[in-house]
Amino acid sequence: MSEAINLGSIDDIDEGEAKVIPGDENGTGEDIAVFHAEDGNFYALNDECTHETASLADGWIEGTEVECPVHSAKFCLKSGQAMCMPATIAARTHKVVVQDGAVMLYPNCPVAAQV
């Protein structure tokens, strides 16, 4: 398992918003977006849409899905699965745990699909 990164308090990421952890800070070399979904939970995906270069953190969160701001591809925040065209490849997931009120990101530690 990778070493956890403390992203701060659960109040630091508003519900319906995302925070990007740059690749040089998270150790993966790729930006990771941590989303605070409408279900109250936190999820993490690689920040780049798998269809075309675009930041998923700049997209729209609805329920437990995020919509890419460029071509409206949707991804499941729980599993990373591409939910509609034009995306056909899943986004990479990373484990997020809320511990004592802090959001902890585990880069390179995928989550089991919770569909």
PDB file of N, CA and C in Angstrom:
ATOM      1  N   MET A   1       0.844  -1.179   0.000  1.00  0.00           N
ATOM      2  CA  MET A   1       0.000   0.000   0.000  1.00  0.00           C
ATOM      3  C   MET A   1       0.886   1.237   0.000  1.00  0.00           C
ATOM      4  N   SER A   2       0.421   2.256  -0.674  1.00  0.00           N
ATOM      5  CA  SER A   2       1.190   3.494  -0.733  1.00  0.00           C
ATOM      6  C   SER A   2       1.021   4.284   0.557  1.00  0.00           C
ATOM      7  N   GLU A   3       1.899   5.241   0.741  1.00  0.00           N
ATOM      8  CA  GLU A   3       1.834   6.097   1.918  1.00  0.00           C
ATOM      9  C   GLU A   3       0.710   7.110   1.757  1.00  0.00           C
ATOM     10  N   ALA A   4      -0.029   7.332   2.819  1.00  0.00           N
ATOM     11  CA  ALA A   4      -1.178   8.240   2.777  1.00  0.00           C
ATOM     12  C   ALA A   4      -0.735   9.692   2.719  1.00  0.00           C
ATOM     13  N   ILE A   5      -1.540  10.490   2.010  1.00  0.00           N
ATOM     14  CA  ILE A   5      -1.343  11.939   1.957  1.00  0.00           C
ATOM     15  C   ILE A   5      -2.529  12.569   2.661  1.00  0.00           C
ATOM     16  N   ASN A   6      -2.257  13.357   3.688  1.00  0.00           N
ATOM     17  CA  ASN A   6      -3.320  14.046   4.433  1.00  0.00           C
ATOM     18  C   ASN A   6      -3.720  15.289   3.649  1.00  0.00           C
ATOM     19  N   LEU A   7      -4.976  15.318   3.182  1.00  0.00           N
ATOM     20  CA  LEU A   7      -5.479  16.442   2.391  1.00  0.00           C
ATOM     21  C   LEU A   7      -6.162  17.492   3.241  1.00  0.00           C
ATOM     22  N   GLY A   8      -6.189  17.290   4.539  1.00  0.00           N
ATOM     23  CA  GLY A   8      -6.823  18.251   5.436  1.00  0.00           C
ATOM     24  C   GLY A   8      -8.195  17.780   5.874  1.00  0.00           C
ATOM     25  N   SER A   9      -8.938  18.692   6.434  1.00  0.00           N
ATOM     26  CA  SER A   9     -10.252  18.408   6.993  1.00  0.00           C
ATOM     27  C   SER A   9     -11.276  18.086   5.905  1.00  0.00           C
ATOM     28  N   ILE A  10     -12.298  17.331   6.271  1.00  0.00           N
ATOM     29  CA  ILE A  10     -13.390  17.049   5.342  1.00  0.00           C
ATOM     30  C   ILE A  10     -14.085  18.333   4.909  1.00  0.00           C
ATOM     31  N   ASP A  11     -13.976  19.379   5.715  1.00  0.00           N
ATOM     32  CA  ASP A  11     -14.587  20.669   5.384  1.00  0.00           C
ATOM     33  C   ASP A  11     -13.781  21.458   4.356  1.00  0.00           C
ATOM     34  N   ASP A  12     -12.572  20.993   4.023  1.00  0.00           N
ATOM     35  CA  ASP A  12     -11.724  21.710   3.070  1.00  0.00           C
ATOM     36  C   ASP A  12     -12.136  21.498   1.610  1.00  0.00           C
ATOM     37  N   ILE A  13     -12.938  20.453   1.360  1.00  0.00           N
ATOM     38  CA  ILE A  13     -13.456  20.203   0.007  1.00  0.00           C
ATOM     39  C   ILE A  13     -14.975  20.209   0.115  1.00  0.00           C
ATOM     40  N   ASP A  14     -15.604  21.241  -0.410  1.00  0.00           N
ATOM     41  CA  ASP A  14     -17.055  21.353  -0.342  1.00  0.00           C
ATOM     42  C   ASP A  14     -17.721  20.235  -1.123  1.00  0.00           C
ATOM     43  N   GLU A  15     -18.909  19.823  -0.673  1.00  0.00           N
ATOM     44  CA  GLU A  15     -19.673  18.828  -1.405  1.00  0.00           C
ATOM     45  C   GLU A  15     -19.948  19.343  -2.812  1.00  0.00           C
ATOM     46  N   GLY A  16     -19.743  18.473  -3.802  1.00  0.00           N
ATOM     47  CA  GLY A  16     -19.925  18.855  -5.201  1.00  0.00           C
ATOM     48  C   GLY A  16     -18.691  19.479  -5.819  1.00  0.00           C
ATOM     49  N   GLU A  17     -17.586  19.494  -5.089  1.00  0.00           N
ATOM     50  CA  GLU A  17     -16.334  20.078  -5.571  1.00  0.00           C
ATOM     51  C   GLU A  17     -15.223  19.029  -5.569  1.00  0.00           C
ATOM     52  N   ALA A  18     -14.089  19.398  -6.166  1.00  0.00           N
ATOM     53  CA  ALA A  18     -12.934  18.506  -6.229  1.00  0.00           C
ATOM     54  C   ALA A  18     -11.661  19.289  -5.947  1.00  0.00           C
ATOM     55  N   LYS A  19     -10.652  18.573  -5.510  1.00  0.00           N
ATOM     56  CA  LYS A  19      -9.329  19.150  -5.259  1.00  0.00           C
ATOM     57  C   LYS A  19      -8.319  18.328  -6.036  1.00  0.00           C
ATOM     58  N   VAL A  20      -7.420  18.999  -6.753  1.00  0.00           N
ATOM     59  CA  VAL A  20      -6.401  18.309  -7.544  1.00  0.00           C
ATOM     60  C   VAL A  20      -5.100  18.236  -6.753  1.00  0.00           C
ATOM     61  N   ILE A  21      -4.550  17.032  -6.698  1.00  0.00           N
ATOM     62  CA  ILE A  21      -3.244  16.799  -6.074  1.00  0.00           C
ATOM     63  C   ILE A  21      -2.273  16.534  -7.223  1.00  0.00           C
ATOM     64  N   PRO A  22      -1.352  17.488  -7.484  1.00  0.00           N
ATOM     65  CA  PRO A  22      -0.431  17.343  -8.622  1.00  0.00           C
ATOM     66  C   PRO A  22       0.410  16.066  -8.541  1.00  0.00           C
ATOM     67  N   GLY A  23       0.743  15.542  -9.712  1.00  0.00           N
ATOM     68  CA  GLY A  23       1.509  14.303  -9.805  1.00  0.00           C
ATOM     69  C   GLY A  23       2.842  14.342  -9.096  1.00  0.00           C
ATOM     70  N   ASP A  24       3.494  15.505  -9.077  1.00  0.00           N
ATOM     71  CA  ASP A  24       4.791  15.589  -8.390  1.00  0.00           C
ATOM     72  C   ASP A  24       4.632  15.603  -6.870  1.00  0.00           C
ATOM     73  N   GLU A  25       3.424  15.874  -6.390  1.00  0.00           N
ATOM     74  CA  GLU A  25       3.165  15.844  -4.942  1.00  0.00           C
ATOM     75  C   GLU A  25       2.605  14.506  -4.478  1.00  0.00           C
ATOM     76  N   ASN A  26       1.911  13.784  -5.379  1.00  0.00           N
ATOM     77  CA  ASN A  26       1.298  12.527  -4.957  1.00  0.00           C
ATOM     78  C   ASN A  26       2.164  11.311  -5.277  1.00  0.00           C
ATOM     79  N   GLY A  27       3.269  11.523  -5.985  1.00  0.00           N
ATOM     80  CA  GLY A  27       4.212  10.450  -6.250  1.00  0.00           C
ATOM     81  C   GLY A  27       3.896   9.577  -7.447  1.00  0.00           C
ATOM     82  N   THR A  28       2.802   9.843  -8.156  1.00  0.00           N
ATOM     83  CA  THR A  28       2.440   9.008  -9.303  1.00  0.00           C
ATOM     84  C   THR A  28       2.888   9.605 -10.625  1.00  0.00           C
ATOM     85  N   GLY A  29       3.192  10.902 -10.629  1.00  0.00           N
ATOM     86  CA  GLY A  29       3.526  11.581 -11.873  1.00  0.00           C
ATOM     87  C   GLY A  29       2.300  12.028 -12.643  1.00  0.00           C
ATOM     88  N   GLU A  30       1.114  11.677 -12.151  1.00  0.00           N
ATOM     89  CA  GLU A  30      -0.143  12.066 -12.786  1.00  0.00           C
ATOM     90  C   GLU A  30      -1.020  12.764 -11.749  1.00  0.00           C
ATOM     91  N   ASP A  31      -1.711  13.823 -12.190  1.00  0.00           N
ATOM     92  CA  ASP A  31      -2.597  14.537 -11.276  1.00  0.00           C
ATOM     93  C   ASP A  31      -3.747  13.632 -10.846  1.00  0.00           C
ATOM     94  N   ILE A  32      -4.132  13.750  -9.576  1.00  0.00           N
ATOM     95  CA  ILE A  32      -5.259  12.999  -9.025  1.00  0.00           C
ATOM     96  C   ILE A  32      -6.284  14.007  -8.531  1.00  0.00           C
ATOM     97  N   ALA A  33      -7.554  13.792  -8.894  1.00  0.00           N
ATOM     98  CA  ALA A  33      -8.646  14.633  -8.410  1.00  0.00           C
ATOM     99  C   ALA A  33      -9.372  13.890  -7.295  1.00  0.00           C
ATOM    100  N   VAL A  34      -9.557  14.576  -6.174  1.00  0.00           N
ATOM    101  CA  VAL A  34     -10.319  14.018  -5.057  1.00  0.00           C
ATOM    102  C   VAL A  34     -11.656  14.742  -5.030  1.00  0.00           C
ATOM    103  N   PHE A  35     -12.735  13.979  -5.174  1.00  0.00           N
ATOM    104  CA  PHE A  35     -14.082  14.512  -5.292  1.00  0.00           C
ATOM    105  C   PHE A  35     -14.858  14.307  -3.998  1.00  0.00           C
ATOM    106  N   HIS A  36     -15.627  15.324  -3.605  1.00  0.00           N
ATOM    107  CA  HIS A  36     -16.574  15.200  -2.496  1.00  0.00           C
ATOM    108  C   HIS A  36     -17.947  15.085  -3.146  1.00  0.00           C
ATOM    109  N   ALA A  37     -18.415  13.859  -3.266  1.00  0.00           N
ATOM    110  CA  ALA A  37     -19.643  13.572  -4.010  1.00  0.00           C
ATOM    111  C   ALA A  37     -20.888  13.956  -3.228  1.00  0.00           C
ATOM    112  N   GLU A  38     -22.006  13.994  -3.948  1.00  0.00           N
ATOM    113  CA  GLU A  38     -23.287  14.346  -3.350  1.00  0.00           C
ATOM    114  C   GLU A  38     -23.772  13.321  -2.335  1.00  0.00           C
ATOM    115  N   ASP A  39     -23.175  12.118  -2.332  1.00  0.00           N
ATOM    116  CA  ASP A  39     -23.541  11.127  -1.317  1.00  0.00           C
ATOM    117  C   ASP A  39     -22.774  11.348  -0.019  1.00  0.00           C
ATOM    118  N   GLY A  40     -21.940  12.401   0.020  1.00  0.00           N
ATOM    119  CA  GLY A  40     -21.174  12.740   1.218  1.00  0.00           C
ATOM    120  C   GLY A  40     -19.821  12.061   1.299  1.00  0.00           C
ATOM    121  N   ASN A  41     -19.552  11.128   0.404  1.00  0.00           N
ATOM    122  CA  ASN A  41     -18.285  10.403   0.418  1.00  0.00           C
ATOM    123  C   ASN A  41     -17.241  11.070  -0.474  1.00  0.00           C
ATOM    124  N   PHE A  42     -15.992  10.656  -0.274  1.00  0.00           N
ATOM    125  CA  PHE A  42     -14.871  11.163  -1.051  1.00  0.00           C
ATOM    126  C   PHE A  42     -14.346  10.049  -1.953  1.00  0.00           C
ATOM    127  N   TYR A  43     -14.023  10.418  -3.196  1.00  0.00           N
ATOM    128  CA  TYR A  43     -13.511   9.478  -4.191  1.00  0.00           C
ATOM    129  C   TYR A  43     -12.348  10.133  -4.917  1.00  0.00           C
ATOM    130  N   ALA A  44     -11.452   9.319  -5.470  1.00  0.00           N
ATOM    131  CA  ALA A  44     -10.312   9.858  -6.206  1.00  0.00           C
ATOM    132  C   ALA A  44     -10.127   9.127  -7.527  1.00  0.00           C
ATOM    133  N   LEU A  45      -9.936   9.920  -8.582  1.00  0.00           N
ATOM    134  CA  LEU A  45      -9.660   9.409  -9.920  1.00  0.00           C
ATOM    135  C   LEU A  45      -8.465  10.168 -10.481  1.00  0.00           C
ATOM    136  N   ASN A  46      -7.751   9.553 -11.432  1.00  0.00           N
ATOM    137  CA  ASN A  46      -6.787  10.344 -12.183  1.00  0.00           C
ATOM    138  C   ASN A  46      -7.555  11.521 -12.769  1.00  0.00           C
ATOM    139  N   ASP A  47      -6.951  12.683 -12.779  1.00  0.00           N
ATOM    140  CA  ASP A  47      -7.676  13.902 -13.138  1.00  0.00           C
ATOM    141  C   ASP A  47      -7.904  14.062 -14.633  1.00  0.00           C
ATOM    142  N   GLU A  48      -7.321  13.252 -15.466  1.00  0.00           N
ATOM    143  CA  GLU A  48      -7.455  13.431 -16.911  1.00  0.00           C
ATOM    144  C   GLU A  48      -8.522  12.510 -17.495  1.00  0.00           C
ATOM    145  N   CYS A  49      -9.439  13.088 -18.254  1.00  0.00           N
ATOM    146  CA  CYS A  49     -10.452  12.313 -18.965  1.00  0.00           C
ATOM    147  C   CYS A  49      -9.751  11.308 -19.876  1.00  0.00           C
ATOM    148  N   THR A  50     -10.281  10.097 -19.950  1.00  0.00           N
ATOM    149  CA  THR A  50      -9.653   9.068 -20.777  1.00  0.00           C
ATOM    150  C   THR A  50      -9.993   9.212 -22.250  1.00  0.00           C
ATOM    151  N   HIS A  51     -10.895  10.110 -22.604  1.00  0.00           N
ATOM    152  CA  HIS A  51     -11.256  10.339 -23.995  1.00  0.00           C
ATOM    153  C   HIS A  51     -10.364  11.392 -24.633  1.00  0.00           C
ATOM    154  N   GLU A  52     -10.201  12.510 -23.956  1.00  0.00           N
ATOM    155  CA  GLU A  52      -9.399  13.608 -24.483  1.00  0.00           C
ATOM    156  C   GLU A  52      -8.859  14.407 -23.302  1.00  0.00           C
ATOM    157  N   THR A  53      -7.750  15.062 -23.481  1.00  0.00           N
ATOM    158  CA  THR A  53      -7.131  15.800 -22.395  1.00  0.00           C
ATOM    159  C   THR A  53      -8.069  16.867 -21.843  1.00  0.00           C
ATOM    160  N   ALA A  54      -8.526  16.638 -20.632  1.00  0.00           N
ATOM    161  CA  ALA A  54      -9.387  17.580 -19.917  1.00  0.00           C
ATOM    162  C   ALA A  54      -9.355  17.204 -18.444  1.00  0.00           C
ATOM    163  N   SER A  55      -9.439  18.193 -17.580  1.00  0.00           N
ATOM    164  CA  SER A  55      -9.441  17.969 -16.140  1.00  0.00           C
ATOM    165  C   SER A  55     -10.830  17.555 -15.672  1.00  0.00           C
ATOM    166  N   LEU A  56     -10.930  16.356 -15.096  1.00  0.00           N
ATOM    167  CA  LEU A  56     -12.216  15.922 -14.550  1.00  0.00           C
ATOM    168  C   LEU A  56     -12.613  16.769 -13.348  1.00  0.00           C
ATOM    169  N   ALA A  57     -11.645  17.325 -12.641  1.00  0.00           N
ATOM    170  CA  ALA A  57     -11.958  18.190 -11.497  1.00  0.00           C
ATOM    171  C   ALA A  57     -12.716  19.442 -11.940  1.00  0.00           C
ATOM    172  N   ASP A  58     -12.563  19.823 -13.203  1.00  0.00           N
ATOM    173  CA  ASP A  58     -13.289  20.977 -13.746  1.00  0.00           C
ATOM    174  C   ASP A  58     -14.686  20.596 -14.226  1.00  0.00           C
ATOM    175  N   GLY A  59     -15.026  19.313 -14.110  1.00  0.00           N
ATOM    176  CA  GLY A  59     -16.323  18.826 -14.564  1.00  0.00           C
ATOM    177  C   GLY A  59     -17.418  19.037 -13.535  1.00  0.00           C
ATOM    178  N   TRP A  60     -18.560  18.409 -13.800  1.00  0.00           N
ATOM    179  CA  TRP A  60     -19.736  18.563 -12.949  1.00  0.00           C
ATOM    180  C   TRP A  60     -20.010  17.253 -12.238  1.00  0.00           C
ATOM    181  N   ILE A  61     -20.213  17.339 -10.925  1.00  0.00           N
ATOM    182  CA  ILE A  61     -20.506  16.162 -10.119  1.00  0.00           C
ATOM    183  C   ILE A  61     -22.017  16.075  -9.937  1.00  0.00           C
ATOM    184  N   GLU A  62     -22.555  14.899 -10.264  1.00  0.00           N
ATOM    185  CA  GLU A  62     -23.969  14.640 -10.040  1.00  0.00           C
ATOM    186  C   GLU A  62     -24.084  13.260  -9.418  1.00  0.00           C
ATOM    187  N   GLY A  63     -24.587  13.222  -8.206  1.00  0.00           N
ATOM    188  CA  GLY A  63     -24.649  11.945  -7.489  1.00  0.00           C
ATOM    189  C   GLY A  63     -23.249  11.437  -7.248  1.00  0.00           C
ATOM    190  N   THR A  64     -22.943  10.264  -7.812  1.00  0.00           N
ATOM    191  CA  THR A  64     -21.598   9.682  -7.693  1.00  0.00           C
ATOM    192  C   THR A  64     -20.958   9.547  -9.072  1.00  0.00           C
ATOM    193  N   GLU A  65     -21.265  10.501  -9.950  1.00  0.00           N
ATOM    194  CA  GLU A  65     -20.655  10.555 -11.277  1.00  0.00           C
ATOM    195  C   GLU A  65     -20.064  11.939 -11.503  1.00  0.00           C
ATOM    196  N   VAL A  66     -19.048  11.986 -12.365  1.00  0.00           N
ATOM    197  CA  VAL A  66     -18.484  13.265 -12.788  1.00  0.00           C
ATOM    198  C   VAL A  66     -18.573  13.329 -14.304  1.00  0.00           C
ATOM    199  N   GLU A  67     -18.966  14.500 -14.806  1.00  0.00           N
ATOM    200  CA  GLU A  67     -19.083  14.713 -16.244  1.00  0.00           C
ATOM    201  C   GLU A  67     -17.920  15.566 -16.721  1.00  0.00           C
ATOM    202  N   CYS A  68     -17.212  15.075 -17.721  1.00  0.00           N
ATOM    203  CA  CYS A  68     -16.084  15.801 -18.300  1.00  0.00           C
ATOM    204  C   CYS A  68     -16.577  17.122 -18.894  1.00  0.00           C
ATOM    205  N   PRO A  69     -15.839  18.210 -18.667  1.00  0.00           N
ATOM    206  CA  PRO A  69     -16.281  19.509 -19.159  1.00  0.00           C
ATOM    207  C   PRO A  69     -16.100  19.719 -20.663  1.00  0.00           C
ATOM    208  N   VAL A  70     -15.422  18.792 -21.356  1.00  0.00           N
ATOM    209  CA  VAL A  70     -15.161  18.995 -22.780  1.00  0.00           C
ATOM    210  C   VAL A  70     -16.218  18.335 -23.659  1.00  0.00           C
ATOM    211  N   HIS A  71     -16.382  17.012 -23.549  1.00  0.00           N
ATOM    212  CA  HIS A  71     -17.312  16.305 -24.425  1.00  0.00           C
ATOM    213  C   HIS A  71     -18.394  15.544 -23.665  1.00  0.00           C
ATOM    214  N   SER A  72     -18.587  15.858 -22.393  1.00  0.00           N
ATOM    215  CA  SER A  72     -19.674  15.309 -21.568  1.00  0.00           C
ATOM    216  C   SER A  72     -19.597  13.815 -21.301  1.00  0.00           C
ATOM    217  N   ALA A  73     -18.434  13.210 -21.428  1.00  0.00           N
ATOM    218  CA  ALA A  73     -18.282  11.819 -20.994  1.00  0.00           C
ATOM    219  C   ALA A  73     -18.495  11.786 -19.483  1.00  0.00           C
ATOM    220  N   LYS A  74     -19.084  10.718 -18.987  1.00  0.00           N
ATOM    221  CA  LYS A  74     -19.324  10.592 -17.547  1.00  0.00           C
ATOM    222  C   LYS A  74     -18.559   9.403 -17.000  1.00  0.00           C
ATOM    223  N   PHE A  75     -18.085   9.551 -15.764  1.00  0.00           N
ATOM    224  CA  PHE A  75     -17.340   8.503 -15.080  1.00  0.00           C
ATOM    225  C   PHE A  75     -17.944   8.257 -13.708  1.00  0.00           C
ATOM    226  N   CYS A  76     -18.017   6.987 -13.315  1.00  0.00           N
ATOM    227  CA  CYS A  76     -18.466   6.610 -11.977  1.00  0.00           C
ATOM    228  C   CYS A  76     -17.332   6.927 -11.000  1.00  0.00           C
ATOM    229  N   LEU A  77     -17.628   7.709  -9.976  1.00  0.00           N
ATOM    230  CA  LEU A  77     -16.602   8.056  -9.000  1.00  0.00           C
ATOM    231  C   LEU A  77     -16.207   6.855  -8.142  1.00  0.00           C
ATOM    232  N   LYS A  78     -17.106   5.902  -7.991  1.00  0.00           N
ATOM    233  CA  LYS A  78     -16.816   4.723  -7.160  1.00  0.00           C
ATOM    234  C   LYS A  78     -15.866   3.747  -7.839  1.00  0.00           C
ATOM    235  N   SER A  79     -16.061   3.539  -9.149  1.00  0.00           N
ATOM    236  CA  SER A  79     -15.296   2.505  -9.853  1.00  0.00           C
ATOM    237  C   SER A  79     -14.374   3.041 -10.944  1.00  0.00           C
ATOM    238  N   GLY A  80     -14.586   4.308 -11.354  1.00  0.00           N
ATOM    239  CA  GLY A  80     -13.835   4.878 -12.462  1.00  0.00           C
ATOM    240  C   GLY A  80     -14.410   4.513 -13.823  1.00  0.00           C
ATOM    241  N   GLN A  81     -15.406   3.650 -13.859  1.00  0.00           N
ATOM    242  CA  GLN A  81     -15.994   3.166 -15.118  1.00  0.00           C
ATOM    243  C   GLN A  81     -16.511   4.318 -15.970  1.00  0.00           C
ATOM    244  N   ALA A  82     -16.219   4.249 -17.281  1.00  0.00           N
ATOM    245  CA  ALA A  82     -16.780   5.199 -18.241  1.00  0.00           C
ATOM    246  C   ALA A  82     -18.255   4.855 -18.387  1.00  0.00           C
ATOM    247  N   MET A  83     -19.128   5.837 -18.166  1.00  0.00           N
ATOM    248  CA  MET A  83     -20.568   5.594 -18.143  1.00  0.00           C
ATOM    249  C   MET A  83     -21.244   5.871 -19.483  1.00  0.00           C
ATOM    250  N   CYS A  84     -20.601   6.658 -20.338  1.00  0.00           N
ATOM    251  CA  CYS A  84     -21.200   6.957 -21.637  1.00  0.00           C
ATOM    252  C   CYS A  84     -20.126   7.435 -22.605  1.00  0.00           C
ATOM    253  N   MET A  85     -20.487   7.416 -23.868  1.00  0.00           N
ATOM    254  CA  MET A  85     -19.607   7.906 -24.923  1.00  0.00           C
ATOM    255  C   MET A  85     -19.401   9.412 -24.755  1.00  0.00           C
ATOM    256  N   PRO A  86     -18.319   9.952 -25.173  1.00  0.00           N
ATOM    257  CA  PRO A  86     -17.326   9.320 -26.029  1.00  0.00           C
ATOM    258  C   PRO A  86     -16.252   8.532 -25.275  1.00  0.00           C
ATOM    259  N   ALA A  87     -16.252   8.545 -23.955  1.00  0.00           N
ATOM    260  CA  ALA A  87     -15.243   7.782 -23.210  1.00  0.00           C
ATOM    261  C   ALA A  87     -15.602   6.300 -23.203  1.00  0.00           C
ATOM    262  N   THR A  88     -14.598   5.462 -23.404  1.00  0.00           N
ATOM    263  CA  THR A  88     -14.796   4.013 -23.371  1.00  0.00           C
ATOM    264  C   THR A  88     -13.820   3.330 -22.412  1.00  0.00           C
ATOM    265  N   ILE A  89     -12.862   4.083 -21.904  1.00  0.00           N
ATOM    266  CA  ILE A  89     -11.837   3.544 -21.006  1.00  0.00           C
ATOM    267  C   ILE A  89     -12.070   4.118 -19.612  1.00  0.00           C
ATOM    268  N   ALA A  90     -12.011   3.263 -18.615  1.00  0.00           N
ATOM    269  CA  ALA A  90     -12.209   3.693 -17.226  1.00  0.00           C
ATOM    270  C   ALA A  90     -11.087   4.616 -16.768  1.00  0.00           C
ATOM    271  N   ALA A  91     -11.420   5.497 -15.846  1.00  0.00           N
ATOM    272  CA  ALA A  91     -10.419   6.348 -15.188  1.00  0.00           C
ATOM    273  C   ALA A  91      -9.832   5.549 -14.018  1.00  0.00           C
ATOM    274  N   ARG A  92      -8.578   5.760 -13.751  1.00  0.00           N
ATOM    275  CA  ARG A  92      -7.906   5.042 -12.666  1.00  0.00           C
ATOM    276  C   ARG A  92      -8.372   5.570 -11.316  1.00  0.00           C
ATOM    277  N   THR A  93      -8.700   4.661 -10.398  1.00  0.00           N
ATOM    278  CA  THR A  93      -9.148   5.033  -9.061  1.00  0.00           C
ATOM    279  C   THR A  93      -7.993   4.993  -8.069  1.00  0.00           C
ATOM    280  N   HIS A  94      -8.181   5.718  -6.965  1.00  0.00           N
ATOM    281  CA  HIS A  94      -7.227   5.724  -5.854  1.00  0.00           C
ATOM    282  C   HIS A  94      -8.033   5.703  -4.566  1.00  0.00           C
ATOM    283  N   LYS A  95      -7.530   5.028  -3.579  1.00  0.00           N
ATOM    284  CA  LYS A  95      -8.229   4.880  -2.304  1.00  0.00           C
ATOM    285  C   LYS A  95      -8.245   6.208  -1.535  1.00  0.00           C
ATOM    286  N   VAL A  96      -9.416   6.518  -0.960  1.00  0.00           N
ATOM    287  CA  VAL A  96      -9.575   7.677  -0.084  1.00  0.00           C
ATOM    288  C   VAL A  96     -10.251   7.191   1.190  1.00  0.00           C
ATOM    289  N   VAL A  97      -9.719   7.612   2.330  1.00  0.00           N
ATOM    290  CA  VAL A  97     -10.277   7.239   3.631  1.00  0.00           C
ATOM    291  C   VAL A  97     -10.449   8.508   4.453  1.00  0.00           C
ATOM    292  N   VAL A  98     -11.589   8.605   5.139  1.00  0.00           N
ATOM    293  CA  VAL A  98     -11.782   9.693   6.104  1.00  0.00           C
ATOM    294  C   VAL A  98     -11.432   9.121   7.473  1.00  0.00           C
ATOM    295  N   GLN A  99     -10.440   9.756   8.101  1.00  0.00           N
ATOM    296  CA  GLN A  99      -9.932   9.254   9.375  1.00  0.00           C
ATOM    297  C   GLN A  99      -9.842  10.419  10.358  1.00  0.00           C
ATOM    298  N   ASP A 100     -10.603  10.331  11.435  1.00  0.00           N
ATOM    299  CA  ASP A 100     -10.620  11.382  12.454  1.00  0.00           C
ATOM    300  C   ASP A 100     -10.877  12.761  11.850  1.00  0.00           C
ATOM    301  N   GLY A 101     -11.803  12.820  10.882  1.00  0.00           N
ATOM    302  CA  GLY A 101     -12.174  14.089  10.265  1.00  0.00           C
ATOM    303  C   GLY A 101     -11.232  14.587   9.189  1.00  0.00           C
ATOM    304  N   ALA A 102     -10.190  13.798   8.877  1.00  0.00           N
ATOM    305  CA  ALA A 102      -9.234  14.182   7.836  1.00  0.00           C
ATOM    306  C   ALA A 102      -9.420  13.291   6.614  1.00  0.00           C
ATOM    307  N   VAL A 103      -9.222  13.874   5.430  1.00  0.00           N
ATOM    308  CA  VAL A 103      -9.303  13.131   4.176  1.00  0.00           C
ATOM    309  C   VAL A 103      -7.905  12.630   3.835  1.00  0.00           C
ATOM    310  N   MET A 104      -7.771  11.306   3.732  1.00  0.00           N
ATOM    311  CA  MET A 104      -6.480  10.679   3.464  1.00  0.00           C
ATOM    312  C   MET A 104      -6.524  10.021   2.091  1.00  0.00           C
ATOM    313  N   LEU A 105      -5.581  10.400   1.221  1.00  0.00           N
ATOM    314  CA  LEU A 105      -5.464   9.848  -0.124  1.00  0.00           C
ATOM    315  C   LEU A 105      -4.332   8.828  -0.143  1.00  0.00           C
ATOM    316  N   TYR A 106      -4.608   7.668  -0.744  1.00  0.00           N
ATOM    317  CA  TYR A 106      -3.609   6.618  -0.925  1.00  0.00           C
ATOM    318  C   TYR A 106      -3.360   6.461  -2.422  1.00  0.00           C
ATOM    319  N   PRO A 107      -2.423   7.236  -2.982  1.00  0.00           N
ATOM    320  CA  PRO A 107      -2.133   7.136  -4.415  1.00  0.00           C
ATOM    321  C   PRO A 107      -1.654   5.740  -4.791  1.00  0.00           C
ATOM    322  N   ASN A 108      -2.039   5.314  -5.998  1.00  0.00           N
ATOM    323  CA  ASN A 108      -1.664   4.001  -6.529  1.00  0.00           C
ATOM    324  C   ASN A 108      -2.274   2.835  -5.770  1.00  0.00           C
ATOM    325  N   CYS A 109      -3.207   3.108  -4.887  1.00  0.00           N
ATOM    326  CA  CYS A 109      -3.917   2.040  -4.191  1.00  0.00           C
ATOM    327  C   CYS A 109      -5.340   2.046  -4.723  1.00  0.00           C
ATOM    328  N   PRO A 110      -5.638   1.192  -5.716  1.00  0.00           N
ATOM    329  CA  PRO A 110      -6.977   1.214  -6.324  1.00  0.00           C
ATOM    330  C   PRO A 110      -8.026   0.749  -5.338  1.00  0.00           C
ATOM    331  N   VAL A 111      -9.245   1.174  -5.580  1.00  0.00           N
ATOM    332  CA  VAL A 111     -10.362   0.740  -4.733  1.00  0.00           C
ATOM    333  C   VAL A 111     -11.095  -0.384  -5.450  1.00  0.00           C
ATOM    334  N   ALA A 112     -11.680  -1.269  -4.669  1.00  0.00           N
ATOM    335  CA  ALA A 112     -12.521  -2.317  -5.257  1.00  0.00           C
ATOM    336  C   ALA A 112     -13.790  -1.648  -5.780  1.00  0.00           C
ATOM    337  N   ALA A 113     -14.251  -2.059  -6.924  1.00  0.00           N
ATOM    338  CA  ALA A 113     -15.453  -1.474  -7.529  1.00  0.00           C
ATOM    339  C   ALA A 113     -16.627  -1.640  -6.569  1.00  0.00           C
ATOM    340  N   GLN A 114     -17.341  -0.540  -6.346  1.00  0.00           N
ATOM    341  CA  GLN A 114     -18.488  -0.527  -5.438  1.00  0.00           C
ATOM    342  C   GLN A 114     -19.712  -0.034  -6.193  1.00  0.00           C
ATOM    343  N   VAL A 115     -20.064  -0.705  -7.247  1.00  0.00           N
ATOM    344  CA  VAL A 115     -21.158  -0.223  -8.091  1.00  0.00           C
ATOM    345  C   VAL A 115     -22.500  -0.534  -7.501  1.00  0.00           C
TER     346      VAL A 115
END
